[in-house]
Each structure stands twice: as C-alpha cells, then as structure tokens.
Amino acid sequence: MSEEQSVTGKKRRTGAEIEQIVREYESSGLNRSQFCRQQDLTLGVLNRYLRLLATSGSGGSGDGLVAVELAGQKLGGERSASSGLAVVWRGVAGSQ
C-alpha cells in the first residue's frame, strides 16, 4: 500500500473494477442500500459509479460512441431511400 493510500484510506478503482461493481449490483437483485452494506460501499460511491457507466455507454472507450459498419454498401454507389440503419439511444433510466 502506498503512503498516500495509508494516510487517506481511499483506494482508486480502475474502470474495469467500477464496471464489475456495477454489473454485480445489477445482477444482485438487491436494492442500492442492501448492496452497499454487503460490499462495504457508500451509497454515494455506488451512485457515482452508476452515473459514470451510464454516461460512458457500455463502459468501453468512455465516449459513449459505438463503431458501426454498413454491410452491402459500396462507397460512391447510388444511395437508396433507406439505409437500414437504426440508432438506439441508451439513456439514463427515468429520464424519458
């Protein structure tokens, strides 16, 4: 343990660790308070992790964007009326 960690008692978690905690919470079937007690987390920390993961998409690159590829399209070719592309927005729960 580093000197800074021993003085403050705080531990920085990696993005992968944060994602794992959120996934465990989502699959636990517990409410936030119960999960926090079980995992020795504060409710504020869990809420922050949930917001972080929601704003970063799936927790990948952090920008919320996903690469797509259009199959069957030739560059410079004629365009049809419909590309067959659908965009699904993953918003924060309750913000509809």
Protein backbone atom coordinates (compact mmCIF):
# COMPACT_ATOMS: atom_id res chain seq x y z
CA MET A 1 0.00 0.00 0.00
CA SER A 2 1.37 3.43 -0.87
CA GLU A 3 1.91 6.11 1.73
CA GLU A 4 -0.88 8.22 0.22
CA GLN A 5 -3.36 5.34 0.39
CA SER A 6 -2.48 4.58 4.00
CA VAL A 7 -2.92 8.21 5.05
CA THR A 8 -6.25 8.83 3.31
CA GLY A 9 -7.59 5.27 3.44
CA LYS A 10 -9.03 5.70 -0.08
CA LYS A 11 -8.47 3.32 -2.97
CA ARG A 12 -8.80 4.31 -6.61
CA ARG A 13 -10.57 1.72 -8.70
CA THR A 14 -9.88 1.09 -12.35
CA GLY A 15 -12.60 1.42 -14.97
CA ALA A 16 -12.80 -2.37 -15.17
CA GLU A 17 -13.30 -2.62 -11.39
CA ILE A 18 -16.03 0.03 -11.50
CA GLU A 19 -17.79 -1.77 -14.33
CA GLN A 20 -17.58 -5.06 -12.41
CA ILE A 21 -19.12 -3.48 -9.29
CA VAL A 22 -21.99 -2.01 -11.33
CA ARG A 23 -22.62 -5.33 -13.12
CA GLU A 24 -22.61 -7.15 -9.77
CA TYR A 25 -25.12 -4.65 -8.40
CA GLU A 26 -27.37 -5.01 -11.46
CA SER A 27 -27.38 -8.81 -11.22
CA SER A 28 -27.63 -8.98 -7.41
CA GLY A 29 -31.36 -8.34 -7.12
CA LEU A 30 -30.65 -6.13 -4.10
CA ASN A 31 -31.59 -2.51 -3.70
CA ARG A 32 -28.77 0.04 -3.57
CA SER A 33 -28.63 0.26 0.21
CA GLN A 34 -28.51 -3.52 0.67
CA PHE A 35 -25.82 -3.92 -1.97
CA CYS A 36 -23.71 -1.15 -0.45
CA ARG A 37 -23.88 -2.73 3.00
CA GLN A 38 -22.94 -6.11 1.56
CA GLN A 39 -19.99 -4.71 -0.45
CA ASP A 40 -18.87 -2.14 2.15
CA LEU A 41 -19.50 0.77 -0.22
CA THR A 42 -21.15 4.08 0.45
CA LEU A 43 -24.36 4.86 -1.41
CA GLY A 44 -22.71 7.94 -2.93
CA VAL A 45 -19.89 5.86 -4.40
CA LEU A 46 -22.31 3.37 -5.98
CA ASN A 47 -24.44 6.21 -7.36
CA ARG A 48 -21.33 7.84 -8.87
CA TYR A 49 -20.29 4.53 -10.46
CA LEU A 50 -23.78 4.03 -11.90
CA ARG A 51 -23.71 7.55 -13.41
CA LEU A 52 -20.21 7.03 -14.79
CA LEU A 53 -21.17 3.82 -16.51
CA ALA A 54 -24.44 5.27 -17.84
CA THR A 55 -22.68 8.28 -19.38
CA SER A 56 -19.87 6.21 -20.87
CA GLY A 57 -22.15 3.85 -22.78
CA SER A 58 -21.18 0.28 -22.05
CA GLY A 59 -18.10 1.23 -20.12
CA GLY A 60 -15.81 0.76 -23.11
CA SER A 61 -14.00 3.77 -24.51
CA GLY A 62 -15.78 6.28 -22.29
CA ASP A 63 -17.14 8.47 -25.09
CA GLY A 64 -20.47 6.65 -25.45
CA LEU A 65 -19.94 6.02 -29.17
CA VAL A 66 -20.07 2.65 -30.85
CA ALA A 67 -18.45 1.86 -34.19
CA VAL A 68 -20.80 0.52 -36.86
CA GLU A 69 -20.30 -0.95 -40.30
CA LEU A 70 -22.82 -0.73 -43.11
CA ALA A 71 -22.91 -4.08 -44.89
CA GLY A 72 -23.72 -4.26 -48.58
CA GLN A 73 -22.96 -0.59 -49.28
CA LYS A 74 -20.39 0.40 -51.87
CA LEU A 75 -18.63 3.71 -51.46
CA GLY A 76 -19.67 6.19 -54.14
CA GLY A 77 -22.55 3.98 -55.18
CA GLU A 78 -26.15 5.01 -55.65
CA ARG A 79 -27.99 5.75 -52.45
CA SER A 80 -31.34 4.19 -51.70
CA ALA A 81 -34.18 5.86 -49.80
CA SER A 82 -33.41 3.81 -46.69
CA SER A 83 -30.04 2.67 -45.42
CA GLY A 84 -31.47 0.15 -42.97
CA LEU A 85 -29.54 1.77 -40.15
CA ALA A 86 -31.25 2.20 -36.79
CA VAL A 87 -29.83 4.31 -33.98
CA VAL A 88 -30.73 3.27 -30.43
CA TRP A 89 -30.03 5.76 -27.69
CA ARG A 90 -29.16 4.25 -24.31
CA GLY A 91 -30.33 6.95 -21.95
CA VAL A 92 -30.33 7.10 -18.19
CA ALA A 93 -33.25 5.22 -16.62
CA GLY A 94 -36.12 7.51 -15.66
CA SER A 95 -35.06 10.37 -17.94
CA GLN A 96 -37.66 9.72 -20.63
